[in-house]
Amino acid sequence: MSSAQIVQLLITLIGIALAMLMFLFGPFDLVWNTVAAVVIFILAGVAAGFAYAKLQAGRKG
């Protein structure tokens, strides 16, 4: 497993954990906690994709 994949996996797992914490223990009612959790999950996925692409690009060139 390359370092880019490890970084992508870690960012994704941290994003899932933060989203679950927001969903379960967030300061808002259930609907807004759900919306915030989905936004966190999407942002974590985007960040993981960018990190993977940047690390792969740095590795190739």
C-alpha atoms as a PDB file:
ATOM      1  CA  MET A   1       0.000   0.000   0.000  1.00  0.00           C
ATOM      2  CA  SER A   2       1.497   3.316  -1.033  1.00  0.00           C
ATOM      3  CA  SER A   3       1.802   6.310   1.245  1.00  0.00           C
ATOM      4  CA  ALA A   4      -0.794   8.152  -0.859  1.00  0.00           C
ATOM      5  CA  GLN A   5      -3.320   5.391  -0.217  1.00  0.00           C
ATOM      6  CA  ILE A   6      -2.539   5.379   3.507  1.00  0.00           C
ATOM      7  CA  VAL A   7      -3.066   9.146   3.719  1.00  0.00           C
ATOM      8  CA  GLN A   8      -6.315   8.832   1.769  1.00  0.00           C
ATOM      9  CA  LEU A   9      -7.523   6.063   4.088  1.00  0.00           C
ATOM     10  CA  LEU A  10      -6.644   8.031   7.233  1.00  0.00           C
ATOM     11  CA  ILE A  11      -8.410  11.184   6.013  1.00  0.00           C
ATOM     12  CA  THR A  12     -11.483   9.146   5.094  1.00  0.00           C
ATOM     13  CA  LEU A  13     -11.600   7.365   8.458  1.00  0.00           C
ATOM     14  CA  ILE A  14     -11.167  10.617  10.374  1.00  0.00           C
ATOM     15  CA  GLY A  15     -13.941  12.176   8.289  1.00  0.00           C
ATOM     16  CA  ILE A  16     -16.268   9.260   9.030  1.00  0.00           C
ATOM     17  CA  ALA A  17     -15.489   9.510  12.748  1.00  0.00           C
ATOM     18  CA  LEU A  18     -16.143  13.265  12.808  1.00  0.00           C
ATOM     19  CA  ALA A  19     -19.377  12.839  10.868  1.00  0.00           C
ATOM     20  CA  MET A  20     -20.597  10.168  13.288  1.00  0.00           C
ATOM     21  CA  LEU A  21     -19.683  12.310  16.293  1.00  0.00           C
ATOM     22  CA  MET A  22     -21.581  15.239  14.795  1.00  0.00           C
ATOM     23  CA  PHE A  23     -24.580  13.045  14.010  1.00  0.00           C
ATOM     24  CA  LEU A  24     -24.738  11.442  17.457  1.00  0.00           C
ATOM     25  CA  PHE A  25     -23.627  14.264  19.750  1.00  0.00           C
ATOM     26  CA  GLY A  26     -24.038  17.461  17.714  1.00  0.00           C
ATOM     27  CA  PRO A  27     -25.413  20.634  19.275  1.00  0.00           C
ATOM     28  CA  PHE A  28     -28.405  20.911  16.935  1.00  0.00           C
ATOM     29  CA  ASP A  29     -31.587  18.901  16.475  1.00  0.00           C
ATOM     30  CA  LEU A  30     -31.514  15.642  14.499  1.00  0.00           C
ATOM     31  CA  VAL A  31     -32.116  17.139  11.047  1.00  0.00           C
ATOM     32  CA  TRP A  32     -29.342  19.736  11.293  1.00  0.00           C
ATOM     33  CA  ASN A  33     -26.923  17.267  12.869  1.00  0.00           C
ATOM     34  CA  THR A  34     -27.592  14.958   9.914  1.00  0.00           C
ATOM     35  CA  VAL A  35     -27.010  17.758   7.412  1.00  0.00           C
ATOM     36  CA  ALA A  36     -23.770  18.750   9.156  1.00  0.00           C
ATOM     37  CA  ALA A  37     -22.612  15.119   9.238  1.00  0.00           C
ATOM     38  CA  VAL A  38     -23.259  14.691   5.509  1.00  0.00           C
ATOM     39  CA  VAL A  39     -21.369  17.909   4.739  1.00  0.00           C
ATOM     40  CA  ILE A  40     -18.420  16.766   6.873  1.00  0.00           C
ATOM     41  CA  PHE A  41     -18.422  13.380   5.144  1.00  0.00           C
ATOM     42  CA  ILE A  42     -18.451  14.967   1.667  1.00  0.00           C
ATOM     43  CA  LEU A  43     -15.673  17.413   2.573  1.00  0.00           C
ATOM     44  CA  ALA A  44     -13.555  14.583   3.979  1.00  0.00           C
ATOM     45  CA  GLY A  45     -14.020  12.608   0.768  1.00  0.00           C
ATOM     46  CA  VAL A  46     -13.010  15.591  -1.343  1.00  0.00           C
ATOM     47  CA  ALA A  47      -9.984  16.249   0.879  1.00  0.00           C
ATOM     48  CA  ALA A  48      -8.944  12.595   0.646  1.00  0.00           C
ATOM     49  CA  GLY A  49      -9.232  12.711  -3.145  1.00  0.00           C
ATOM     50  CA  PHE A  50      -7.138  15.873  -3.384  1.00  0.00           C
ATOM     51  CA  ALA A  51      -4.508  14.475  -1.010  1.00  0.00           C
ATOM     52  CA  TYR A  52      -4.272  11.258  -3.008  1.00  0.00           C
ATOM     53  CA  ALA A  53      -3.975  13.126  -6.320  1.00  0.00           C
ATOM     54  CA  LYS A  54      -1.344  15.512  -4.963  1.00  0.00           C
ATOM     55  CA  LEU A  55       0.752  12.726  -3.471  1.00  0.00           C
ATOM     56  CA  GLN A  56       0.493  10.648  -6.645  1.00  0.00           C
ATOM     57  CA  ALA A  57       1.459  13.640  -8.809  1.00  0.00           C
ATOM     58  CA  GLY A  58       4.447  14.378  -6.582  1.00  0.00           C
ATOM     59  CA  ARG A  59       5.508  10.777  -6.835  1.00  0.00           C
ATOM     60  CA  LYS A  60       5.380  10.582 -10.638  1.00  0.00           C
ATOM     61  CA  GLY A  61       7.034  13.793 -11.494  1.00  0.00           C
END
